[in-house]
Amino acid sequence: MDGDGRSDELIAYAAVDEDEAITGWRIRVLLATNQGIDSSLQKPEQTFPGDIQAYGLADANGDGKAEGFVLVNAGVSVIFLGALTVSGCQIDWIHIAHDGRVLLGAGGSFGSGFSFDCEHSDSSGRRLLVVREIVLDVNSYRWKESSYRWLGSTLVPAGTRKGTLPSTAAVSARAPFYGIHCGNLPQP
């Protein structure tokens, strides 16, 4: 995560009081140099009770340093990840300009799906984060694809596309709207 080419580790854990009740959540990045960088984590308000988990590392913005992904919520078929980066000796949570921390959905069911993709670039070669969602209406799927440019730990909106697919669309036509397409991050 610090760009030195050596393996770093992302750890999520609960802070507990003397009665072992959870009082909050912490994230630790343990660099290969054995330097630890810590940050507290507020669970997004819309999440269900449950554990925060370190999910994985991937160079999402193409700068040669991995970003960390943290599982902050999970349902039966969908997970939601927060994302972070290391800047100097601090953890910076990745956020959308003027909109707060990013919460990336992945997975879904027959009627809806979420995905994100960090393997595309704009016309000038800068890496994009592409966030997709699809929802089944009565006779068609409505989809939306939002692209963001990286500016440090900020995602700046770069464009949005919307469209529809027939409700009979093949699974292969709907596949980009489900899962994670970002380095070696595991599928939900």
N, C-alpha and C. Protein backbone atom coordinates (compact mmCIF):
# COMPACT_ATOMS: atom_id res chain seq x y z
N MET A 1 0.82 -1.20 0.00
CA MET A 1 0.00 0.00 0.00
C MET A 1 0.86 1.26 0.00
N ASP A 2 2.15 1.11 0.34
CA ASP A 2 3.03 2.28 0.34
C ASP A 2 3.86 2.38 -0.93
N GLY A 3 3.67 1.44 -1.86
CA GLY A 3 4.33 1.52 -3.15
C GLY A 3 5.74 0.97 -3.21
N ASP A 4 6.22 0.31 -2.15
CA ASP A 4 7.60 -0.19 -2.17
C ASP A 4 7.72 -1.57 -2.81
N GLY A 5 6.61 -2.13 -3.27
CA GLY A 5 6.63 -3.41 -3.96
C GLY A 5 6.60 -4.61 -3.03
N ARG A 6 6.62 -4.38 -1.72
CA ARG A 6 6.56 -5.49 -0.77
C ARG A 6 5.12 -5.65 -0.26
N SER A 7 4.81 -6.86 0.21
CA SER A 7 3.45 -7.17 0.66
C SER A 7 3.14 -6.46 1.97
N ASP A 8 2.00 -5.78 1.99
CA ASP A 8 1.48 -5.15 3.18
C ASP A 8 0.21 -5.90 3.59
N GLU A 9 -0.29 -5.61 4.77
CA GLU A 9 -1.45 -6.33 5.29
C GLU A 9 -2.51 -5.35 5.76
N LEU A 10 -3.77 -5.69 5.51
CA LEU A 10 -4.92 -4.90 5.95
C LEU A 10 -5.66 -5.71 7.00
N ILE A 11 -5.90 -5.09 8.16
CA ILE A 11 -6.53 -5.79 9.28
C ILE A 11 -7.72 -4.94 9.76
N ALA A 12 -8.84 -5.57 10.01
CA ALA A 12 -10.00 -4.90 10.60
C ALA A 12 -10.30 -5.60 11.91
N TYR A 13 -10.60 -4.82 12.94
CA TYR A 13 -10.88 -5.44 14.22
C TYR A 13 -11.81 -4.56 15.05
N ALA A 14 -12.45 -5.18 16.03
CA ALA A 14 -13.38 -4.48 16.91
C ALA A 14 -12.62 -3.94 18.12
N ALA A 15 -12.94 -2.71 18.50
CA ALA A 15 -12.48 -2.16 19.77
C ALA A 15 -13.52 -2.55 20.81
N VAL A 16 -13.08 -3.07 21.95
CA VAL A 16 -14.02 -3.54 22.97
C VAL A 16 -13.74 -2.87 24.31
N ASP A 17 -14.78 -2.80 25.13
CA ASP A 17 -14.61 -2.25 26.47
C ASP A 17 -14.27 -3.38 27.45
N GLU A 18 -14.22 -3.06 28.74
CA GLU A 18 -13.82 -4.08 29.74
C GLU A 18 -14.81 -5.23 29.83
N ASP A 19 -16.05 -5.05 29.37
CA ASP A 19 -17.03 -6.13 29.35
C ASP A 19 -17.04 -6.87 28.01
N GLU A 20 -16.08 -6.56 27.16
CA GLU A 20 -15.93 -7.14 25.82
C GLU A 20 -17.08 -6.80 24.89
N ALA A 21 -17.77 -5.70 25.16
CA ALA A 21 -18.79 -5.19 24.24
C ALA A 21 -18.09 -4.33 23.18
N ILE A 22 -18.53 -4.46 21.94
CA ILE A 22 -17.92 -3.69 20.86
C ILE A 22 -18.26 -2.22 21.02
N THR A 23 -17.21 -1.40 21.03
CA THR A 23 -17.39 0.05 21.17
C THR A 23 -17.09 0.79 19.87
N GLY A 24 -16.55 0.09 18.91
CA GLY A 24 -16.22 0.71 17.63
C GLY A 24 -15.37 -0.24 16.80
N TRP A 25 -14.98 0.24 15.62
CA TRP A 25 -14.21 -0.58 14.70
C TRP A 25 -12.93 0.15 14.35
N ARG A 26 -11.85 -0.62 14.13
CA ARG A 26 -10.55 -0.06 13.79
C ARG A 26 -10.03 -0.76 12.54
N ILE A 27 -9.26 -0.02 11.79
CA ILE A 27 -8.56 -0.56 10.62
C ILE A 27 -7.08 -0.36 10.88
N ARG A 28 -6.28 -1.36 10.57
CA ARG A 28 -4.82 -1.24 10.68
C ARG A 28 -4.21 -1.68 9.37
N VAL A 29 -3.32 -0.86 8.86
CA VAL A 29 -2.49 -1.23 7.73
C VAL A 29 -1.12 -1.54 8.31
N LEU A 30 -0.66 -2.76 8.12
CA LEU A 30 0.66 -3.17 8.60
C LEU A 30 1.56 -3.26 7.38
N LEU A 31 2.45 -2.28 7.27
CA LEU A 31 3.37 -2.22 6.14
C LEU A 31 4.46 -3.27 6.29
N ALA A 32 5.11 -3.65 5.20
CA ALA A 32 6.18 -4.64 5.23
C ALA A 32 7.33 -4.20 6.13
N THR A 33 7.44 -2.91 6.39
CA THR A 33 8.47 -2.37 7.28
C THR A 33 8.12 -2.58 8.75
N ASN A 34 6.97 -3.22 9.03
CA ASN A 34 6.40 -3.43 10.36
C ASN A 34 5.83 -2.16 10.97
N GLN A 35 5.73 -1.09 10.19
CA GLN A 35 5.06 0.12 10.66
C GLN A 35 3.55 -0.11 10.56
N GLY A 36 2.84 0.18 11.65
CA GLY A 36 1.38 0.05 11.65
C GLY A 36 0.73 1.42 11.58
N ILE A 37 -0.29 1.54 10.75
CA ILE A 37 -1.06 2.78 10.63
C ILE A 37 -2.50 2.43 10.96
N ASP A 38 -3.09 3.15 11.93
CA ASP A 38 -4.42 2.83 12.42
C ASP A 38 -5.42 3.94 12.12
N SER A 39 -6.68 3.54 12.00
CA SER A 39 -7.77 4.49 11.81
C SER A 39 -9.04 3.89 12.39
N SER A 40 -9.91 4.75 12.91
CA SER A 40 -11.22 4.26 13.34
C SER A 40 -12.12 4.19 12.12
N LEU A 41 -13.18 3.43 12.23
CA LEU A 41 -14.11 3.27 11.13
C LEU A 41 -15.52 3.40 11.65
N GLN A 42 -16.23 4.36 11.13
CA GLN A 42 -17.66 4.48 11.40
C GLN A 42 -18.38 3.64 10.36
N LYS A 43 -19.22 2.73 10.81
CA LYS A 43 -20.02 1.96 9.85
C LYS A 43 -21.03 2.91 9.21
N PRO A 44 -21.23 2.83 7.92
CA PRO A 44 -22.27 3.65 7.29
C PRO A 44 -23.62 3.39 7.96
N GLU A 45 -24.44 4.42 8.06
CA GLU A 45 -25.71 4.32 8.76
C GLU A 45 -26.65 3.28 8.16
N GLN A 46 -26.56 3.05 6.86
CA GLN A 46 -27.50 2.14 6.22
C GLN A 46 -27.10 0.67 6.33
N THR A 47 -26.09 0.34 7.13
CA THR A 47 -25.65 -1.04 7.21
C THR A 47 -26.40 -1.81 8.28
N PHE A 48 -26.37 -3.13 8.15
CA PHE A 48 -26.95 -4.03 9.13
C PHE A 48 -25.89 -4.34 10.18
N PRO A 49 -26.31 -4.79 11.36
CA PRO A 49 -25.31 -5.16 12.37
C PRO A 49 -24.44 -6.29 11.83
N GLY A 50 -23.21 -6.30 12.21
CA GLY A 50 -22.31 -7.35 11.78
C GLY A 50 -20.88 -6.88 11.84
N ASP A 51 -20.00 -7.80 11.59
CA ASP A 51 -18.57 -7.51 11.69
C ASP A 51 -18.05 -6.79 10.47
N ILE A 52 -17.11 -5.90 10.71
CA ILE A 52 -16.31 -5.29 9.66
C ILE A 52 -15.20 -6.29 9.33
N GLN A 53 -14.86 -6.46 8.06
CA GLN A 53 -13.80 -7.40 7.69
C GLN A 53 -12.89 -6.79 6.64
N ALA A 54 -11.59 -7.05 6.77
CA ALA A 54 -10.66 -6.69 5.70
C ALA A 54 -11.00 -7.59 4.53
N TYR A 55 -11.16 -7.00 3.33
CA TYR A 55 -11.60 -7.78 2.17
C TYR A 55 -10.45 -8.08 1.21
N GLY A 56 -9.59 -7.08 0.98
CA GLY A 56 -8.48 -7.33 0.08
C GLY A 56 -7.79 -6.05 -0.35
N LEU A 57 -6.73 -6.22 -1.15
CA LEU A 57 -5.93 -5.11 -1.66
C LEU A 57 -5.88 -5.19 -3.18
N ALA A 58 -5.96 -4.03 -3.84
CA ALA A 58 -5.83 -3.97 -5.30
C ALA A 58 -5.40 -2.56 -5.68
N ASP A 59 -4.57 -2.45 -6.70
CA ASP A 59 -4.16 -1.14 -7.21
C ASP A 59 -5.28 -0.61 -8.10
N ALA A 60 -6.29 -0.06 -7.48
CA ALA A 60 -7.49 0.37 -8.19
C ALA A 60 -7.27 1.60 -9.04
N ASN A 61 -6.38 2.50 -8.63
CA ASN A 61 -6.20 3.75 -9.37
C ASN A 61 -4.98 3.75 -10.29
N GLY A 62 -4.24 2.65 -10.33
CA GLY A 62 -3.12 2.52 -11.27
C GLY A 62 -1.87 3.29 -10.91
N ASP A 63 -1.72 3.69 -9.64
CA ASP A 63 -0.54 4.47 -9.24
C ASP A 63 0.60 3.61 -8.72
N GLY A 64 0.44 2.29 -8.74
CA GLY A 64 1.49 1.40 -8.24
C GLY A 64 1.38 1.09 -6.76
N LYS A 65 0.42 1.69 -6.07
CA LYS A 65 0.17 1.43 -4.65
C LYS A 65 -1.23 0.85 -4.51
N ALA A 66 -1.35 -0.18 -3.70
CA ALA A 66 -2.65 -0.83 -3.53
C ALA A 66 -3.59 0.01 -2.68
N GLU A 67 -4.85 -0.04 -3.01
CA GLU A 67 -5.90 0.49 -2.16
C GLU A 67 -6.46 -0.68 -1.35
N GLY A 68 -6.94 -0.38 -0.15
CA GLY A 68 -7.53 -1.40 0.71
C GLY A 68 -9.03 -1.39 0.59
N PHE A 69 -9.65 -2.55 0.67
CA PHE A 69 -11.10 -2.68 0.59
C PHE A 69 -11.58 -3.39 1.85
N VAL A 70 -12.61 -2.81 2.48
CA VAL A 70 -13.11 -3.30 3.75
C VAL A 70 -14.59 -3.62 3.63
N LEU A 71 -14.98 -4.83 4.00
CA LEU A 71 -16.38 -5.24 3.99
C LEU A 71 -17.09 -4.54 5.14
N VAL A 72 -18.06 -3.70 4.82
CA VAL A 72 -18.80 -2.98 5.86
C VAL A 72 -20.25 -3.43 5.97
N ASN A 73 -20.73 -4.20 5.00
CA ASN A 73 -22.10 -4.68 5.05
C ASN A 73 -22.26 -5.85 4.09
N ALA A 74 -23.14 -6.77 4.41
CA ALA A 74 -23.40 -7.90 3.53
C ALA A 74 -24.84 -8.35 3.70
N GLY A 75 -25.45 -8.70 2.59
CA GLY A 75 -26.77 -9.29 2.60
C GLY A 75 -26.66 -10.72 2.10
N VAL A 76 -27.77 -11.28 1.68
CA VAL A 76 -27.78 -12.65 1.20
C VAL A 76 -26.95 -12.79 -0.07
N SER A 77 -27.06 -11.81 -0.98
CA SER A 77 -26.37 -11.95 -2.27
C SER A 77 -25.56 -10.72 -2.66
N VAL A 78 -25.46 -9.73 -1.78
CA VAL A 78 -24.74 -8.49 -2.10
C VAL A 78 -23.83 -8.12 -0.94
N ILE A 79 -22.64 -7.63 -1.27
CA ILE A 79 -21.74 -7.09 -0.25
C ILE A 79 -21.50 -5.61 -0.56
N PHE A 80 -21.11 -4.85 0.46
CA PHE A 80 -20.75 -3.45 0.29
C PHE A 80 -19.39 -3.22 0.91
N LEU A 81 -18.51 -2.60 0.13
CA LEU A 81 -17.13 -2.37 0.54
C LEU A 81 -16.83 -0.89 0.66
N GLY A 82 -16.10 -0.53 1.70
CA GLY A 82 -15.49 0.78 1.79
C GLY A 82 -14.08 0.66 1.22
N ALA A 83 -13.48 1.76 0.82
CA ALA A 83 -12.15 1.71 0.22
C ALA A 83 -11.26 2.76 0.89
N LEU A 84 -9.96 2.44 0.99
CA LEU A 84 -9.03 3.34 1.64
C LEU A 84 -7.68 3.30 0.95
N THR A 85 -6.88 4.32 1.24
CA THR A 85 -5.53 4.39 0.72
C THR A 85 -4.61 4.89 1.84
N VAL A 86 -3.33 4.64 1.71
CA VAL A 86 -2.36 5.15 2.67
C VAL A 86 -1.67 6.35 2.05
N SER A 87 -1.62 7.42 2.81
CA SER A 87 -0.95 8.65 2.37
C SER A 87 0.00 9.06 3.49
N GLY A 88 1.29 8.88 3.25
CA GLY A 88 2.26 9.17 4.32
C GLY A 88 2.05 8.20 5.46
N CYS A 89 1.74 8.72 6.63
CA CYS A 89 1.51 7.89 7.82
C CYS A 89 0.05 7.90 8.24
N GLN A 90 -0.86 8.08 7.31
CA GLN A 90 -2.27 8.08 7.67
C GLN A 90 -3.10 7.32 6.65
N ILE A 91 -4.24 6.85 7.11
CA ILE A 91 -5.20 6.18 6.26
C ILE A 91 -6.21 7.22 5.79
N ASP A 92 -6.40 7.29 4.49
CA ASP A 92 -7.40 8.19 3.91
C ASP A 92 -8.52 7.34 3.32
N TRP A 93 -9.74 7.60 3.73
CA TRP A 93 -10.88 6.90 3.17
C TRP A 93 -11.23 7.51 1.82
N ILE A 94 -11.41 6.68 0.84
CA ILE A 94 -11.75 7.15 -0.50
C ILE A 94 -13.19 7.63 -0.48
N HIS A 95 -13.41 8.79 -1.07
CA HIS A 95 -14.74 9.39 -1.07
C HIS A 95 -15.04 10.00 -2.44
N ILE A 96 -16.31 10.18 -2.69
CA ILE A 96 -16.76 10.84 -3.92
C ILE A 96 -16.84 12.32 -3.63
N ALA A 97 -16.31 13.13 -4.52
CA ALA A 97 -16.31 14.58 -4.32
C ALA A 97 -17.71 15.07 -3.95
N HIS A 98 -17.80 15.82 -2.88
CA HIS A 98 -19.05 16.44 -2.41
C HIS A 98 -20.12 15.42 -2.02
N ASP A 99 -19.73 14.16 -1.74
CA ASP A 99 -20.76 13.15 -1.48
C ASP A 99 -20.38 12.14 -0.40
N GLY A 100 -19.31 12.29 0.29
CA GLY A 100 -18.96 11.37 1.37
C GLY A 100 -18.22 10.12 0.91
N ARG A 101 -17.95 9.24 1.88
CA ARG A 101 -17.20 8.00 1.61
C ARG A 101 -17.88 7.14 0.57
N VAL A 102 -17.05 6.50 -0.23
CA VAL A 102 -17.57 5.61 -1.25
C VAL A 102 -18.01 4.29 -0.60
N LEU A 103 -19.12 3.75 -1.05
CA LEU A 103 -19.62 2.46 -0.63
C LEU A 103 -19.90 1.68 -1.91
N LEU A 104 -19.09 0.65 -2.17
CA LEU A 104 -19.15 -0.09 -3.43
C LEU A 104 -19.91 -1.40 -3.26
N GLY A 105 -20.98 -1.55 -4.02
CA GLY A 105 -21.76 -2.78 -3.98
C GLY A 105 -21.25 -3.78 -4.99
N ALA A 106 -21.41 -5.07 -4.65
CA ALA A 106 -21.01 -6.14 -5.58
C ALA A 106 -21.89 -7.36 -5.32
N GLY A 107 -22.37 -7.94 -6.41
CA GLY A 107 -23.20 -9.13 -6.31
C GLY A 107 -24.63 -8.82 -6.71
N GLY A 108 -25.55 -9.67 -6.32
CA GLY A 108 -26.95 -9.43 -6.62
C GLY A 108 -27.72 -10.70 -6.82
N SER A 109 -28.91 -10.54 -7.36
CA SER A 109 -29.81 -11.65 -7.61
C SER A 109 -30.43 -11.46 -8.99
N PHE A 110 -31.44 -12.26 -9.30
CA PHE A 110 -32.08 -12.15 -10.61
C PHE A 110 -32.63 -10.75 -10.86
N GLY A 111 -33.16 -10.10 -9.82
CA GLY A 111 -33.83 -8.81 -10.00
C GLY A 111 -32.98 -7.57 -9.87
N SER A 112 -31.77 -7.69 -9.35
CA SER A 112 -30.91 -6.51 -9.23
C SER A 112 -29.46 -6.94 -9.09
N GLY A 113 -28.57 -6.02 -9.43
CA GLY A 113 -27.16 -6.33 -9.33
C GLY A 113 -26.32 -5.09 -9.16
N PHE A 114 -25.14 -5.27 -8.58
CA PHE A 114 -24.18 -4.20 -8.35
C PHE A 114 -22.80 -4.70 -8.73
N SER A 115 -22.00 -3.81 -9.30
CA SER A 115 -20.62 -4.17 -9.60
C SER A 115 -19.75 -2.92 -9.59
N PHE A 116 -18.45 -3.14 -9.48
CA PHE A 116 -17.50 -2.06 -9.73
C PHE A 116 -16.30 -2.61 -10.45
N ASP A 117 -15.65 -1.72 -11.19
CA ASP A 117 -14.60 -2.11 -12.12
C ASP A 117 -13.51 -1.05 -12.06
N CYS A 118 -12.29 -1.48 -11.84
CA CYS A 118 -11.17 -0.52 -11.82
C CYS A 118 -10.17 -0.82 -12.93
N GLU A 119 -10.60 -1.48 -13.97
CA GLU A 119 -9.69 -1.91 -15.03
C GLU A 119 -9.87 -1.15 -16.34
N HIS A 120 -10.55 0.01 -16.29
CA HIS A 120 -10.73 0.84 -17.48
C HIS A 120 -10.03 2.18 -17.29
N SER A 121 -9.70 2.82 -18.40
CA SER A 121 -9.05 4.13 -18.37
C SER A 121 -9.81 5.09 -19.28
N ASP A 122 -9.63 6.39 -19.02
CA ASP A 122 -10.23 7.39 -19.91
C ASP A 122 -9.35 7.58 -21.14
N SER A 123 -9.73 8.49 -22.02
CA SER A 123 -9.00 8.69 -23.29
C SER A 123 -7.58 9.19 -23.08
N SER A 124 -7.28 9.76 -21.91
CA SER A 124 -5.91 10.22 -21.65
C SER A 124 -5.10 9.19 -20.87
N GLY A 125 -5.66 8.01 -20.66
CA GLY A 125 -4.92 6.94 -20.01
C GLY A 125 -5.04 6.90 -18.50
N ARG A 126 -5.83 7.79 -17.89
CA ARG A 126 -6.01 7.78 -16.44
C ARG A 126 -7.03 6.72 -16.05
N ARG A 127 -6.70 5.97 -15.01
CA ARG A 127 -7.56 4.89 -14.54
C ARG A 127 -8.88 5.46 -14.03
N LEU A 128 -9.96 4.74 -14.32
CA LEU A 128 -11.30 5.10 -13.86
C LEU A 128 -11.81 4.05 -12.88
N LEU A 129 -12.71 4.46 -12.00
CA LEU A 129 -13.50 3.53 -11.23
C LEU A 129 -14.89 3.59 -11.84
N VAL A 130 -15.41 2.45 -12.30
CA VAL A 130 -16.72 2.38 -12.93
C VAL A 130 -17.65 1.61 -11.99
N VAL A 131 -18.76 2.23 -11.62
CA VAL A 131 -19.73 1.64 -10.71
C VAL A 131 -21.01 1.38 -11.50
N ARG A 132 -21.52 0.15 -11.43
CA ARG A 132 -22.70 -0.23 -12.20
C ARG A 132 -23.80 -0.78 -11.30
N GLU A 133 -25.03 -0.56 -11.72
CA GLU A 133 -26.17 -1.19 -11.05
C GLU A 133 -27.23 -1.50 -12.09
N ILE A 134 -28.02 -2.54 -11.82
CA ILE A 134 -29.08 -2.96 -12.72
C ILE A 134 -30.28 -3.40 -11.88
N VAL A 135 -31.48 -3.04 -12.33
CA VAL A 135 -32.71 -3.37 -11.60
C VAL A 135 -33.75 -3.86 -12.60
N LEU A 136 -34.44 -4.93 -12.26
CA LEU A 136 -35.49 -5.47 -13.12
C LEU A 136 -36.78 -4.71 -12.88
N ASP A 137 -37.31 -4.10 -13.94
CA ASP A 137 -38.65 -3.52 -13.93
C ASP A 137 -39.60 -4.58 -14.45
N VAL A 138 -40.80 -4.20 -14.77
CA VAL A 138 -41.79 -5.17 -15.24
C VAL A 138 -41.34 -5.87 -16.52
N ASN A 139 -40.93 -5.11 -17.54
CA ASN A 139 -40.59 -5.71 -18.84
C ASN A 139 -39.15 -5.53 -19.26
N SER A 140 -38.35 -4.91 -18.43
CA SER A 140 -36.95 -4.67 -18.82
C SER A 140 -36.08 -4.45 -17.59
N TYR A 141 -34.78 -4.54 -17.83
CA TYR A 141 -33.79 -4.16 -16.81
C TYR A 141 -33.39 -2.72 -17.07
N ARG A 142 -33.41 -1.88 -16.04
CA ARG A 142 -32.85 -0.52 -16.12
C ARG A 142 -31.45 -0.60 -15.55
N TRP A 143 -30.49 -0.01 -16.25
CA TRP A 143 -29.12 -0.02 -15.75
C TRP A 143 -28.53 1.39 -15.74
N LYS A 144 -27.52 1.54 -14.90
CA LYS A 144 -26.80 2.81 -14.76
C LYS A 144 -25.33 2.49 -14.56
N GLU A 145 -24.49 3.26 -15.24
CA GLU A 145 -23.04 3.10 -15.13
C GLU A 145 -22.44 4.48 -14.87
N SER A 146 -21.79 4.65 -13.72
CA SER A 146 -21.16 5.92 -13.35
C SER A 146 -19.65 5.74 -13.32
N SER A 147 -18.94 6.65 -13.99
CA SER A 147 -17.48 6.61 -14.04
C SER A 147 -16.90 7.73 -13.19
N TYR A 148 -15.77 7.43 -12.53
CA TYR A 148 -15.11 8.40 -11.66
C TYR A 148 -13.62 8.42 -11.97
N ARG A 149 -13.03 9.61 -11.98
CA ARG A 149 -11.58 9.78 -12.09
C ARG A 149 -11.00 9.88 -10.68
N TRP A 150 -9.79 9.38 -10.53
CA TRP A 150 -9.10 9.43 -9.24
C TRP A 150 -8.35 10.75 -9.10
N LEU A 151 -8.51 11.39 -7.97
CA LEU A 151 -7.73 12.57 -7.60
C LEU A 151 -7.32 12.34 -6.16
N GLY A 152 -6.18 11.66 -5.96
CA GLY A 152 -5.77 11.26 -4.61
C GLY A 152 -6.79 10.28 -4.06
N SER A 153 -7.35 10.60 -2.89
CA SER A 153 -8.36 9.73 -2.29
C SER A 153 -9.78 10.19 -2.63
N THR A 154 -9.90 11.09 -3.61
CA THR A 154 -11.20 11.60 -4.03
C THR A 154 -11.55 11.05 -5.40
N LEU A 155 -12.80 10.64 -5.55
CA LEU A 155 -13.32 10.21 -6.84
C LEU A 155 -14.15 11.35 -7.41
N VAL A 156 -13.79 11.80 -8.61
CA VAL A 156 -14.46 12.92 -9.26
C VAL A 156 -15.35 12.37 -10.38
N PRO A 157 -16.65 12.69 -10.36
CA PRO A 157 -17.53 12.17 -11.41
C PRO A 157 -17.02 12.51 -12.81
N ALA A 158 -16.98 11.49 -13.69
CA ALA A 158 -16.48 11.66 -15.05
C ALA A 158 -17.55 11.38 -16.10
N GLY A 159 -18.69 10.87 -15.68
CA GLY A 159 -19.76 10.61 -16.63
C GLY A 159 -20.70 9.52 -16.15
N THR A 160 -21.90 9.56 -16.68
CA THR A 160 -22.91 8.56 -16.35
C THR A 160 -23.62 8.15 -17.62
N ARG A 161 -23.86 6.85 -17.74
CA ARG A 161 -24.65 6.32 -18.85
C ARG A 161 -25.81 5.54 -18.25
N LYS A 162 -26.94 5.57 -18.93
CA LYS A 162 -28.11 4.81 -18.49
C LYS A 162 -28.70 4.10 -19.70
N GLY A 163 -29.40 3.01 -19.44
CA GLY A 163 -30.04 2.31 -20.53
C GLY A 163 -30.96 1.22 -20.03
N THR A 164 -31.44 0.43 -20.96
CA THR A 164 -32.31 -0.70 -20.62
C THR A 164 -31.88 -1.93 -21.39
N LEU A 165 -32.21 -3.07 -20.84
CA LEU A 165 -32.05 -4.36 -21.49
C LEU A 165 -33.40 -5.06 -21.40
N PRO A 166 -33.76 -5.86 -22.38
CA PRO A 166 -35.03 -6.59 -22.27
C PRO A 166 -34.98 -7.56 -21.09
N SER A 167 -36.13 -7.83 -20.49
CA SER A 167 -36.17 -8.75 -19.35
C SER A 167 -35.71 -10.15 -19.73
N THR A 168 -35.70 -10.44 -21.02
CA THR A 168 -35.24 -11.74 -21.51
C THR A 168 -33.75 -11.74 -21.88
N ALA A 169 -33.04 -10.66 -21.54
CA ALA A 169 -31.61 -10.55 -21.89
C ALA A 169 -30.82 -11.72 -21.33
N ALA A 170 -29.89 -12.20 -22.13
CA ALA A 170 -29.05 -13.32 -21.72
C ALA A 170 -28.22 -12.95 -20.50
N VAL A 171 -27.86 -13.95 -19.73
CA VAL A 171 -27.02 -13.73 -18.56
C VAL A 171 -25.73 -13.03 -18.95
N SER A 172 -25.15 -13.34 -20.09
CA SER A 172 -23.90 -12.72 -20.52
C SER A 172 -24.06 -11.21 -20.73
N ALA A 173 -25.24 -10.76 -21.14
CA ALA A 173 -25.48 -9.32 -21.32
C ALA A 173 -25.59 -8.60 -19.99
N ARG A 174 -26.01 -9.32 -18.93
CA ARG A 174 -26.16 -8.73 -17.60
C ARG A 174 -24.92 -8.90 -16.74
N ALA A 175 -23.98 -9.75 -17.14
CA ALA A 175 -22.81 -10.10 -16.33
C ALA A 175 -21.99 -8.90 -15.84
N PRO A 176 -21.78 -7.84 -16.65
CA PRO A 176 -20.98 -6.72 -16.14
C PRO A 176 -21.58 -6.01 -14.93
N PHE A 177 -22.84 -6.26 -14.63
CA PHE A 177 -23.53 -5.57 -13.54
C PHE A 177 -23.50 -6.35 -12.23
N TYR A 178 -22.73 -7.43 -12.19
CA TYR A 178 -22.63 -8.26 -11.00
C TYR A 178 -21.17 -8.51 -10.68
N GLY A 179 -20.75 -8.28 -9.45
CA GLY A 179 -19.42 -8.68 -9.02
C GLY A 179 -18.38 -7.59 -9.01
N ILE A 180 -17.14 -8.03 -8.92
CA ILE A 180 -15.98 -7.15 -8.77
C ILE A 180 -15.02 -7.43 -9.91
N HIS A 181 -14.57 -6.37 -10.56
CA HIS A 181 -13.61 -6.47 -11.66
C HIS A 181 -12.48 -5.51 -11.32
N CYS A 182 -11.63 -5.92 -10.38
CA CYS A 182 -10.60 -5.01 -9.86
C CYS A 182 -9.44 -5.83 -9.31
N GLY A 183 -8.39 -5.97 -10.10
CA GLY A 183 -7.21 -6.71 -9.64
C GLY A 183 -7.58 -8.12 -9.20
N ASN A 184 -7.02 -8.52 -8.06
CA ASN A 184 -7.25 -9.85 -7.54
C ASN A 184 -8.29 -9.89 -6.42
N LEU A 185 -9.13 -8.85 -6.33
CA LEU A 185 -10.16 -8.87 -5.29
C LEU A 185 -11.10 -10.04 -5.54
N PRO A 186 -11.44 -10.80 -4.50
CA PRO A 186 -12.31 -11.95 -4.71
C PRO A 186 -13.74 -11.55 -5.03
N GLN A 187 -14.44 -12.43 -5.72
CA GLN A 187 -15.85 -12.24 -6.00
C GLN A 187 -16.66 -12.48 -4.73
N PRO A 188 -17.78 -11.79 -4.59
CA PRO A 188 -18.61 -12.01 -3.39
C PRO A 188 -19.21 -13.41 -3.37
